[in-house]
């Protein structure tokens, strides 16, 4: 009986790992969305996935602004070359670092990247599409002004567009793994 339970647990773990790998391979940037607003509980769930990302000293420095308002999206669209994507995204998530919670610039930005990746993978699993927008960072002070955030308190990392995908284009490929391996020692 005990060994059967162990085998079931091993199979469940293996299935989970395969699901994660499928999500990593299946997720891609989505730039066109259906005219359907994602449910708030799904947005909160993807943010919960985000907060489980690793962070140095477990400082969890990320903070989020969920943007539903078309008026705010229109204002933000003027701060980037990706105007239509920002205007048409059903939801935007602003990802920021709380400067008081930070302890190391590079490490905390790496943690924010892991947080963003968790958000995008969870969104994919829930049937949502995402696009990580970084070009708008050139106007981070203006973004914080539009969002009503204190400029000195937060550091912007990205905007994430979120919605139900309406994009049938193919995901771009990747070079073979060997292309990336410098050495095996």
N, C-alpha and C. Protein backbone atom coordinates (compact mmCIF):
# COMPACT_ATOMS: atom_id res chain seq x y z
N UNK A 1 0.83 -1.20 0.00
CA UNK A 1 0.00 0.00 0.00
C UNK A 1 0.87 1.25 0.00
N UNK A 2 1.90 1.25 0.84
CA UNK A 2 2.77 2.43 0.92
C UNK A 2 3.48 2.70 -0.40
N UNK A 3 4.00 1.64 -1.03
CA UNK A 3 4.73 1.84 -2.28
C UNK A 3 3.79 2.31 -3.40
N UNK A 4 2.53 1.87 -3.37
CA UNK A 4 1.57 2.33 -4.38
C UNK A 4 1.33 3.84 -4.25
N UNK A 5 1.19 4.31 -3.03
CA UNK A 5 1.03 5.74 -2.79
C UNK A 5 2.25 6.52 -3.27
N UNK A 6 3.42 5.96 -3.05
CA UNK A 6 4.66 6.60 -3.50
C UNK A 6 4.69 6.69 -5.02
N UNK A 7 4.27 5.61 -5.70
CA UNK A 7 4.25 5.62 -7.17
C UNK A 7 3.27 6.67 -7.67
N UNK A 8 2.09 6.76 -7.04
CA UNK A 8 1.12 7.77 -7.46
C UNK A 8 1.68 9.17 -7.28
N UNK A 9 2.36 9.41 -6.18
CA UNK A 9 2.93 10.72 -5.95
C UNK A 9 4.00 11.02 -6.99
N UNK A 10 4.80 10.04 -7.31
CA UNK A 10 5.83 10.22 -8.32
C UNK A 10 5.20 10.53 -9.67
N UNK A 11 4.13 9.83 -10.02
CA UNK A 11 3.44 10.10 -11.28
C UNK A 11 2.86 11.51 -11.29
N UNK A 12 2.28 11.93 -10.17
CA UNK A 12 1.72 13.28 -10.08
C UNK A 12 2.82 14.32 -10.23
N UNK A 13 3.93 14.10 -9.58
CA UNK A 13 5.05 15.03 -9.71
C UNK A 13 5.54 15.08 -11.15
N UNK A 14 5.64 13.93 -11.78
CA UNK A 14 6.09 13.87 -13.16
C UNK A 14 5.11 14.60 -14.08
N UNK A 15 3.81 14.40 -13.87
CA UNK A 15 2.80 15.08 -14.68
C UNK A 15 2.90 16.59 -14.48
N UNK A 16 3.12 17.02 -13.24
CA UNK A 16 3.26 18.45 -12.96
C UNK A 16 4.46 19.02 -13.70
N UNK A 17 5.57 18.33 -13.63
CA UNK A 17 6.78 18.80 -14.31
C UNK A 17 6.56 18.87 -15.81
N UNK A 18 5.86 17.90 -16.38
CA UNK A 18 5.57 17.93 -17.81
C UNK A 18 4.65 19.11 -18.15
N UNK A 19 3.69 19.40 -17.28
CA UNK A 19 2.78 20.53 -17.49
C UNK A 19 3.56 21.83 -17.47
N UNK A 20 4.48 21.98 -16.54
CA UNK A 20 5.30 23.19 -16.47
C UNK A 20 6.12 23.33 -17.74
N UNK A 21 6.76 22.24 -18.18
CA UNK A 21 7.58 22.30 -19.38
C UNK A 21 6.73 22.65 -20.60
N UNK A 22 5.53 22.08 -20.70
CA UNK A 22 4.63 22.40 -21.82
C UNK A 22 4.24 23.88 -21.79
N UNK A 23 4.02 24.42 -20.61
CA UNK A 23 3.68 25.84 -20.51
C UNK A 23 4.87 26.70 -20.95
N UNK A 24 6.06 26.32 -20.55
CA UNK A 24 7.25 27.08 -20.95
C UNK A 24 7.39 27.07 -22.48
N UNK A 25 7.19 25.91 -23.09
CA UNK A 25 7.31 25.80 -24.55
C UNK A 25 6.12 26.42 -25.28
N UNK A 26 4.95 26.42 -24.68
CA UNK A 26 3.74 26.90 -25.34
C UNK A 26 3.52 28.40 -25.22
N UNK A 27 3.97 29.00 -24.17
CA UNK A 27 3.75 30.42 -23.93
C UNK A 27 4.50 31.25 -24.97
N UNK A 28 3.86 32.29 -25.43
CA UNK A 28 4.51 33.23 -26.34
C UNK A 28 3.88 34.60 -26.15
N UNK A 29 4.49 35.61 -26.70
CA UNK A 29 3.95 36.96 -26.58
C UNK A 29 2.72 37.11 -27.45
N UNK A 30 1.64 37.57 -26.85
CA UNK A 30 0.37 37.78 -27.54
C UNK A 30 0.14 39.29 -27.63
N UNK A 31 -0.11 39.75 -28.84
CA UNK A 31 -0.28 41.18 -29.08
C UNK A 31 -1.68 41.56 -29.56
N UNK A 32 -2.54 40.56 -29.76
CA UNK A 32 -3.93 40.82 -30.15
C UNK A 32 -4.85 40.01 -29.23
N UNK A 33 -5.92 40.66 -28.79
CA UNK A 33 -6.79 40.05 -27.80
C UNK A 33 -8.25 40.09 -28.24
N UNK A 34 -9.02 39.12 -27.74
CA UNK A 34 -10.46 39.14 -27.93
C UNK A 34 -11.05 40.30 -27.14
N UNK A 35 -12.22 40.72 -27.53
CA UNK A 35 -12.91 41.81 -26.83
C UNK A 35 -13.64 41.23 -25.62
N UNK A 36 -12.85 40.70 -24.69
CA UNK A 36 -13.40 40.06 -23.49
C UNK A 36 -12.44 40.38 -22.34
N UNK A 37 -12.96 40.89 -21.28
CA UNK A 37 -12.14 41.26 -20.12
C UNK A 37 -11.89 40.01 -19.27
N UNK A 38 -10.62 39.73 -18.95
CA UNK A 38 -10.34 38.59 -18.06
C UNK A 38 -11.00 38.79 -16.69
N UNK A 39 -11.41 37.70 -16.11
CA UNK A 39 -12.04 37.74 -14.79
C UNK A 39 -11.02 38.20 -13.75
N UNK A 40 -11.49 38.98 -12.79
CA UNK A 40 -10.60 39.52 -11.75
C UNK A 40 -9.91 38.39 -10.98
N UNK A 41 -10.63 37.29 -10.72
CA UNK A 41 -10.02 36.19 -9.96
C UNK A 41 -8.85 35.57 -10.73
N UNK A 42 -8.91 35.58 -12.07
CA UNK A 42 -7.77 35.07 -12.86
C UNK A 42 -6.58 36.02 -12.77
N UNK A 43 -6.86 37.31 -12.79
CA UNK A 43 -5.77 38.29 -12.66
C UNK A 43 -5.11 38.15 -11.29
N UNK A 44 -5.91 37.99 -10.25
CA UNK A 44 -5.34 37.82 -8.91
C UNK A 44 -4.55 36.52 -8.81
N UNK A 45 -5.03 35.48 -9.46
CA UNK A 45 -4.32 34.19 -9.43
C UNK A 45 -2.95 34.30 -10.10
N UNK A 46 -2.88 34.99 -11.24
CA UNK A 46 -1.58 35.12 -11.90
C UNK A 46 -0.62 35.98 -11.08
N UNK A 47 -1.16 36.96 -10.38
CA UNK A 47 -0.31 37.76 -9.49
C UNK A 47 0.17 36.94 -8.30
N UNK A 48 -0.68 36.06 -7.82
CA UNK A 48 -0.26 35.17 -6.73
C UNK A 48 0.88 34.27 -7.20
N UNK A 49 0.79 33.78 -8.43
CA UNK A 49 1.90 32.99 -8.98
C UNK A 49 3.17 33.84 -9.02
N UNK A 50 3.01 35.11 -9.38
CA UNK A 50 4.16 36.01 -9.44
C UNK A 50 4.86 36.17 -8.11
N UNK A 51 4.10 36.28 -7.04
CA UNK A 51 4.73 36.55 -5.74
C UNK A 51 5.47 35.34 -5.19
N UNK A 52 5.30 34.18 -5.82
CA UNK A 52 6.05 33.00 -5.39
C UNK A 52 7.39 32.87 -6.10
N UNK A 53 7.77 33.87 -6.86
CA UNK A 53 9.10 33.88 -7.48
C UNK A 53 10.16 34.00 -6.39
N UNK A 54 11.37 33.53 -6.66
CA UNK A 54 12.44 33.68 -5.68
C UNK A 54 12.90 35.13 -5.57
N UNK A 55 13.31 35.51 -4.38
CA UNK A 55 13.90 36.84 -4.18
C UNK A 55 14.98 36.73 -3.11
N UNK A 56 16.04 37.49 -3.30
CA UNK A 56 17.14 37.48 -2.35
C UNK A 56 16.67 37.89 -0.96
N UNK A 57 17.10 37.15 0.04
CA UNK A 57 16.70 37.39 1.44
C UNK A 57 15.18 37.30 1.61
N UNK A 58 14.49 36.70 0.62
CA UNK A 58 13.03 36.61 0.63
C UNK A 58 12.40 38.00 0.85
N UNK A 59 13.00 39.02 0.23
CA UNK A 59 12.52 40.39 0.44
C UNK A 59 11.24 40.73 -0.33
N UNK A 60 10.89 39.91 -1.35
CA UNK A 60 9.64 40.08 -2.08
C UNK A 60 9.36 41.55 -2.43
N UNK A 61 10.25 42.17 -3.22
CA UNK A 61 10.16 43.61 -3.44
C UNK A 61 9.12 44.06 -4.48
N UNK A 62 8.48 43.12 -5.18
CA UNK A 62 7.58 43.48 -6.26
C UNK A 62 6.27 44.06 -5.75
N UNK A 63 5.74 44.98 -6.51
CA UNK A 63 4.44 45.58 -6.25
C UNK A 63 3.74 45.72 -7.60
N UNK A 64 2.40 45.69 -7.60
CA UNK A 64 1.65 45.67 -8.84
C UNK A 64 0.60 46.77 -8.89
N UNK A 65 0.33 47.25 -10.08
CA UNK A 65 -0.81 48.11 -10.36
C UNK A 65 -1.61 47.41 -11.44
N UNK A 66 -2.87 47.08 -11.14
CA UNK A 66 -3.76 46.45 -12.11
C UNK A 66 -4.53 47.58 -12.80
N UNK A 67 -4.45 47.61 -14.12
CA UNK A 67 -5.04 48.72 -14.87
C UNK A 67 -6.18 48.20 -15.73
N UNK A 68 -7.40 48.54 -15.31
CA UNK A 68 -8.61 48.17 -16.05
C UNK A 68 -9.11 49.37 -16.86
N UNK A 69 -8.84 50.57 -16.39
CA UNK A 69 -9.39 51.81 -16.93
C UNK A 69 -8.88 52.11 -18.33
N UNK A 70 -9.83 52.31 -19.27
CA UNK A 70 -9.45 52.67 -20.64
C UNK A 70 -8.79 54.04 -20.66
N UNK A 71 -9.25 54.95 -19.82
CA UNK A 71 -8.67 56.30 -19.76
C UNK A 71 -7.19 56.24 -19.39
N UNK A 72 -6.85 55.41 -18.41
CA UNK A 72 -5.45 55.25 -17.99
C UNK A 72 -4.65 54.58 -19.10
N UNK A 73 -5.21 53.55 -19.74
CA UNK A 73 -4.51 52.87 -20.84
C UNK A 73 -4.24 53.86 -21.98
N UNK A 74 -5.21 54.72 -22.28
CA UNK A 74 -5.01 55.72 -23.34
C UNK A 74 -3.86 56.65 -23.00
N UNK A 75 -3.79 57.09 -21.74
CA UNK A 75 -2.69 57.97 -21.32
C UNK A 75 -1.35 57.25 -21.40
N UNK A 76 -1.30 56.01 -20.95
CA UNK A 76 -0.05 55.23 -21.01
C UNK A 76 0.38 54.98 -22.45
N UNK A 77 -0.57 54.82 -23.35
CA UNK A 77 -0.25 54.52 -24.75
C UNK A 77 0.55 55.65 -25.40
N UNK A 78 0.41 56.85 -24.88
CA UNK A 78 1.15 58.00 -25.43
C UNK A 78 2.62 57.99 -25.01
N UNK A 79 3.01 57.07 -24.13
CA UNK A 79 4.37 57.04 -23.59
C UNK A 79 5.23 55.94 -24.21
N UNK A 80 4.73 55.32 -25.29
CA UNK A 80 5.45 54.20 -25.89
C UNK A 80 5.17 54.11 -27.39
N UNK A 81 6.04 53.43 -28.10
CA UNK A 81 5.80 53.19 -29.52
C UNK A 81 4.74 52.10 -29.73
N UNK A 82 4.40 51.37 -28.67
CA UNK A 82 3.41 50.29 -28.75
C UNK A 82 2.02 50.78 -28.35
N UNK A 83 1.62 51.91 -28.92
CA UNK A 83 0.36 52.57 -28.57
C UNK A 83 -0.84 51.65 -28.67
N UNK A 84 -1.00 51.00 -29.83
CA UNK A 84 -2.21 50.21 -30.03
C UNK A 84 -2.27 49.01 -29.09
N UNK A 85 -1.14 48.39 -28.83
CA UNK A 85 -1.13 47.25 -27.91
C UNK A 85 -1.59 47.66 -26.52
N UNK A 86 -1.11 48.79 -26.05
CA UNK A 86 -1.49 49.25 -24.71
C UNK A 86 -2.97 49.67 -24.69
N UNK A 87 -3.42 50.35 -25.72
CA UNK A 87 -4.83 50.78 -25.78
C UNK A 87 -5.78 49.60 -25.85
N UNK A 88 -5.39 48.56 -26.59
CA UNK A 88 -6.29 47.44 -26.86
C UNK A 88 -6.19 46.30 -25.86
N UNK A 89 -5.17 46.31 -25.02
CA UNK A 89 -5.04 45.25 -24.02
C UNK A 89 -6.22 45.34 -23.04
N UNK A 90 -6.92 44.24 -22.81
CA UNK A 90 -8.04 44.28 -21.86
C UNK A 90 -7.60 44.69 -20.46
N UNK A 91 -6.41 44.23 -20.04
CA UNK A 91 -5.87 44.57 -18.72
C UNK A 91 -4.37 44.80 -18.88
N UNK A 92 -3.86 45.73 -18.11
CA UNK A 92 -2.41 45.92 -18.00
C UNK A 92 -2.02 45.71 -16.55
N UNK A 93 -0.86 45.13 -16.35
CA UNK A 93 -0.31 44.99 -15.01
C UNK A 93 1.02 45.72 -14.99
N UNK A 94 1.11 46.72 -14.15
CA UNK A 94 2.38 47.41 -13.94
C UNK A 94 3.15 46.68 -12.85
N UNK A 95 4.41 46.36 -13.15
CA UNK A 95 5.26 45.67 -12.17
C UNK A 95 6.33 46.66 -11.72
N UNK A 96 6.39 46.85 -10.42
CA UNK A 96 7.31 47.81 -9.82
C UNK A 96 8.08 47.15 -8.68
N UNK A 97 9.21 47.74 -8.34
CA UNK A 97 9.95 47.33 -7.15
C UNK A 97 9.80 48.42 -6.11
N UNK A 98 9.53 48.01 -4.88
CA UNK A 98 9.48 48.93 -3.75
C UNK A 98 10.92 49.18 -3.32
N UNK A 99 11.39 50.39 -3.50
CA UNK A 99 12.80 50.71 -3.23
C UNK A 99 13.20 50.44 -1.79
N UNK A 100 12.26 50.58 -0.85
CA UNK A 100 12.58 50.30 0.56
C UNK A 100 12.79 48.82 0.82
N UNK A 101 12.17 47.97 0.00
CA UNK A 101 12.31 46.52 0.18
C UNK A 101 13.53 45.97 -0.55
N UNK A 102 14.11 46.77 -1.44
CA UNK A 102 15.24 46.31 -2.24
C UNK A 102 16.53 46.27 -1.40
N UNK A 103 17.41 45.32 -1.76
CA UNK A 103 18.71 45.29 -1.11
C UNK A 103 19.86 45.29 -2.11
N UNK A 104 19.58 44.91 -3.37
CA UNK A 104 20.63 44.87 -4.38
C UNK A 104 19.97 45.08 -5.75
N UNK A 105 20.36 46.12 -6.45
CA UNK A 105 19.74 46.52 -7.71
C UNK A 105 19.60 45.36 -8.70
N UNK A 106 20.69 44.72 -9.03
CA UNK A 106 20.66 43.66 -10.04
C UNK A 106 19.85 42.47 -9.53
N UNK A 107 20.12 42.03 -8.32
CA UNK A 107 19.42 40.86 -7.77
C UNK A 107 17.91 41.09 -7.72
N UNK A 108 17.51 42.28 -7.30
CA UNK A 108 16.08 42.56 -7.21
C UNK A 108 15.42 42.63 -8.58
N UNK A 109 16.13 43.13 -9.58
CA UNK A 109 15.57 43.14 -10.94
C UNK A 109 15.50 41.72 -11.50
N UNK A 110 16.45 40.89 -11.15
CA UNK A 110 16.37 39.48 -11.55
C UNK A 110 15.15 38.82 -10.91
N UNK A 111 14.90 39.13 -9.66
CA UNK A 111 13.71 38.59 -8.98
C UNK A 111 12.43 39.07 -9.65
N UNK A 112 12.41 40.34 -10.06
CA UNK A 112 11.23 40.87 -10.75
C UNK A 112 11.03 40.13 -12.07
N UNK A 113 12.13 39.81 -12.76
CA UNK A 113 12.01 39.04 -14.00
C UNK A 113 11.42 37.66 -13.75
N UNK A 114 11.83 37.02 -12.67
CA UNK A 114 11.27 35.71 -12.31
C UNK A 114 9.78 35.85 -11.98
N UNK A 115 9.43 36.91 -11.29
CA UNK A 115 8.03 37.19 -10.95
C UNK A 115 7.20 37.36 -12.22
N UNK A 116 7.72 38.13 -13.16
CA UNK A 116 7.01 38.36 -14.42
C UNK A 116 6.85 37.05 -15.20
N UNK A 117 7.90 36.24 -15.21
CA UNK A 117 7.81 34.95 -15.91
C UNK A 117 6.74 34.06 -15.26
N UNK A 118 6.69 34.02 -13.93
CA UNK A 118 5.65 33.25 -13.25
C UNK A 118 4.26 33.74 -13.66
N UNK A 119 4.09 35.05 -13.71
CA UNK A 119 2.81 35.64 -14.10
C UNK A 119 2.42 35.18 -15.50
N UNK A 120 3.37 35.24 -16.42
CA UNK A 120 3.07 34.89 -17.81
C UNK A 120 2.79 33.40 -17.98
N UNK A 121 3.51 32.56 -17.26
CA UNK A 121 3.27 31.11 -17.35
C UNK A 121 1.91 30.74 -16.76
N UNK A 122 1.58 31.34 -15.64
CA UNK A 122 0.28 31.06 -15.01
C UNK A 122 -0.85 31.57 -15.91
N UNK A 123 -0.68 32.74 -16.50
CA UNK A 123 -1.70 33.28 -17.40
C UNK A 123 -1.92 32.32 -18.56
N UNK A 124 -0.84 31.80 -19.12
CA UNK A 124 -0.95 30.84 -20.23
C UNK A 124 -1.76 29.62 -19.79
N UNK A 125 -1.46 29.12 -18.62
CA UNK A 125 -2.16 27.94 -18.10
C UNK A 125 -3.66 28.21 -17.91
N UNK A 126 -4.02 29.46 -17.64
CA UNK A 126 -5.42 29.84 -17.44
C UNK A 126 -6.11 30.27 -18.74
N UNK A 127 -5.41 30.12 -19.87
CA UNK A 127 -5.99 30.47 -21.16
C UNK A 127 -5.87 31.93 -21.54
N UNK A 128 -5.03 32.66 -20.82
CA UNK A 128 -4.81 34.08 -21.11
C UNK A 128 -3.51 34.26 -21.88
N UNK A 129 -3.45 35.31 -22.66
CA UNK A 129 -2.21 35.67 -23.35
C UNK A 129 -1.61 36.88 -22.69
N UNK A 130 -0.29 37.01 -22.80
CA UNK A 130 0.42 38.13 -22.20
C UNK A 130 1.48 38.65 -23.15
N UNK A 131 1.89 39.88 -22.91
CA UNK A 131 3.03 40.45 -23.61
C UNK A 131 3.79 41.34 -22.63
N UNK A 132 5.06 41.05 -22.47
CA UNK A 132 5.94 41.79 -21.56
C UNK A 132 6.42 43.03 -22.31
N UNK A 133 6.06 44.20 -21.81
CA UNK A 133 6.40 45.47 -22.45
C UNK A 133 7.46 46.19 -21.62
N UNK A 134 8.61 46.38 -22.22
CA UNK A 134 9.70 47.05 -21.52
C UNK A 134 10.10 48.38 -22.13
N UNK A 135 9.74 48.62 -23.38
CA UNK A 135 10.16 49.84 -24.07
C UNK A 135 9.66 51.09 -23.34
N UNK A 136 8.53 50.97 -22.68
CA UNK A 136 7.93 52.11 -21.97
C UNK A 136 8.78 52.55 -20.76
N UNK A 137 9.75 51.73 -20.37
CA UNK A 137 10.61 52.08 -19.24
C UNK A 137 11.34 53.40 -19.44
N UNK A 138 11.53 53.78 -20.69
CA UNK A 138 12.21 55.06 -20.97
C UNK A 138 11.42 56.24 -20.40
N UNK A 139 10.14 56.02 -20.12
CA UNK A 139 9.27 57.06 -19.56
C UNK A 139 8.73 56.66 -18.19
N UNK A 140 9.55 55.98 -17.41
CA UNK A 140 9.03 55.44 -16.14
C UNK A 140 8.50 56.52 -15.20
N UNK A 141 9.12 57.69 -15.13
CA UNK A 141 8.60 58.74 -14.25
C UNK A 141 7.21 59.21 -14.71
N UNK A 142 7.02 59.31 -16.02
CA UNK A 142 5.71 59.72 -16.55
C UNK A 142 4.67 58.63 -16.30
N UNK A 143 5.08 57.37 -16.42
CA UNK A 143 4.15 56.26 -16.13
C UNK A 143 3.71 56.34 -14.67
N UNK A 144 4.68 56.53 -13.76
CA UNK A 144 4.33 56.62 -12.33
C UNK A 144 3.41 57.81 -12.07
N UNK A 145 3.62 58.89 -12.80
CA UNK A 145 2.75 60.06 -12.65
C UNK A 145 1.32 59.73 -13.09
N UNK A 146 1.16 59.07 -14.24
CA UNK A 146 -0.16 58.68 -14.73
C UNK A 146 -0.85 57.74 -13.73
N UNK A 147 -0.06 56.84 -13.12
CA UNK A 147 -0.63 55.87 -12.18
C UNK A 147 -0.77 56.40 -10.76
N UNK A 148 -0.29 57.62 -10.51
CA UNK A 148 -0.41 58.20 -9.18
C UNK A 148 0.52 57.57 -8.16
N UNK A 149 1.70 57.14 -8.62
CA UNK A 149 2.69 56.53 -7.72
C UNK A 149 3.80 57.53 -7.41
N UNK A 150 4.34 57.43 -6.20
CA UNK A 150 5.47 58.28 -5.81
C UNK A 150 6.71 57.87 -6.60
N UNK A 151 7.30 58.82 -7.31
CA UNK A 151 8.45 58.53 -8.18
C UNK A 151 9.64 57.99 -7.39
N UNK A 152 9.86 58.52 -6.20
CA UNK A 152 11.03 58.14 -5.41
C UNK A 152 10.85 56.79 -4.71
N UNK A 153 9.62 56.33 -4.57
CA UNK A 153 9.34 55.14 -3.78
C UNK A 153 9.39 53.84 -4.59
N UNK A 154 9.09 53.93 -5.91
CA UNK A 154 8.98 52.73 -6.73
C UNK A 154 9.87 52.81 -7.96
N UNK A 155 10.34 51.65 -8.39
CA UNK A 155 11.12 51.53 -9.61
C UNK A 155 10.35 50.63 -10.57
N UNK A 156 10.11 51.14 -11.76
CA UNK A 156 9.32 50.40 -12.73
C UNK A 156 10.15 49.29 -13.37
N UNK A 157 9.52 48.12 -13.56
CA UNK A 157 10.17 46.98 -14.22
C UNK A 157 9.54 46.65 -15.56
N UNK A 158 8.22 46.76 -15.66
CA UNK A 158 7.54 46.39 -16.91
C UNK A 158 6.06 46.69 -16.82
N UNK A 159 5.43 46.70 -17.98
CA UNK A 159 3.99 46.59 -18.08
C UNK A 159 3.74 45.24 -18.74
N UNK A 160 2.71 44.55 -18.30
CA UNK A 160 2.32 43.29 -18.91
C UNK A 160 0.91 43.46 -19.45
N UNK A 161 0.75 43.27 -20.76
CA UNK A 161 -0.58 43.25 -21.36
C UNK A 161 -1.17 41.86 -21.13
N UNK A 162 -2.45 41.82 -20.77
CA UNK A 162 -3.11 40.54 -20.46
C UNK A 162 -4.50 40.52 -21.09
N UNK A 163 -4.85 39.38 -21.70
CA UNK A 163 -6.18 39.22 -22.25
C UNK A 163 -6.35 37.84 -22.85
N UNK A 164 -7.55 37.58 -23.35
CA UNK A 164 -7.80 36.33 -24.05
C UNK A 164 -7.21 36.45 -25.45
N UNK A 165 -6.36 35.51 -25.86
CA UNK A 165 -5.65 35.64 -27.13
C UNK A 165 -6.57 35.63 -28.35
N UNK A 166 -6.22 36.50 -29.29
CA UNK A 166 -6.84 36.52 -30.61
C UNK A 166 -5.71 36.65 -31.64
N UNK A 167 -4.73 35.80 -31.47
CA UNK A 167 -3.51 35.87 -32.26
C UNK A 167 -3.14 34.46 -32.69
N UNK A 168 -3.25 34.19 -33.96
CA UNK A 168 -3.00 32.83 -34.47
C UNK A 168 -1.61 32.70 -35.10
N UNK A 169 -0.79 33.74 -35.00
CA UNK A 169 0.54 33.67 -35.60
C UNK A 169 1.39 32.62 -34.88
N UNK A 170 2.37 32.12 -35.58
CA UNK A 170 3.24 31.09 -35.04
C UNK A 170 4.27 31.70 -34.08
N UNK A 171 4.60 30.93 -33.09
CA UNK A 171 5.66 31.34 -32.16
C UNK A 171 6.99 31.24 -32.88
N UNK A 172 7.85 32.25 -32.73
CA UNK A 172 9.17 32.14 -33.37
C UNK A 172 9.96 31.00 -32.74
N UNK A 173 10.80 30.37 -33.54
CA UNK A 173 11.58 29.24 -33.05
C UNK A 173 12.76 29.66 -32.20
N UNK A 174 13.53 28.69 -31.82
CA UNK A 174 14.73 28.92 -31.04
C UNK A 174 15.88 28.18 -31.71
N UNK A 175 17.08 28.71 -31.53
CA UNK A 175 18.26 27.98 -31.97
C UNK A 175 18.33 26.66 -31.20
N UNK A 176 19.04 25.67 -31.73
CA UNK A 176 19.21 24.43 -30.97
C UNK A 176 19.99 24.71 -29.68
N UNK A 177 19.75 23.89 -28.69
CA UNK A 177 20.37 24.05 -27.37
C UNK A 177 21.88 24.20 -27.47
N UNK A 178 22.50 23.46 -28.35
CA UNK A 178 23.96 23.49 -28.47
C UNK A 178 24.49 24.89 -28.77
N UNK A 179 23.68 25.71 -29.42
CA UNK A 179 24.06 27.09 -29.75
C UNK A 179 24.39 27.91 -28.50
N UNK A 180 23.75 27.58 -27.39
CA UNK A 180 23.84 28.39 -26.18
C UNK A 180 24.88 27.88 -25.17
N UNK A 181 25.31 26.65 -25.29
CA UNK A 181 26.22 26.07 -24.31
C UNK A 181 27.65 26.45 -24.69
N UNK A 182 28.29 27.20 -23.81
CA UNK A 182 29.68 27.60 -24.05
C UNK A 182 30.64 26.46 -23.80
N UNK A 183 30.45 25.80 -22.65
CA UNK A 183 31.37 24.72 -22.25
C UNK A 183 30.64 23.76 -21.33
N UNK A 184 31.16 22.56 -21.27
CA UNK A 184 30.81 21.62 -20.20
C UNK A 184 32.13 21.21 -19.58
N UNK A 185 32.28 21.53 -18.34
CA UNK A 185 33.56 21.24 -17.65
C UNK A 185 33.41 20.13 -16.64
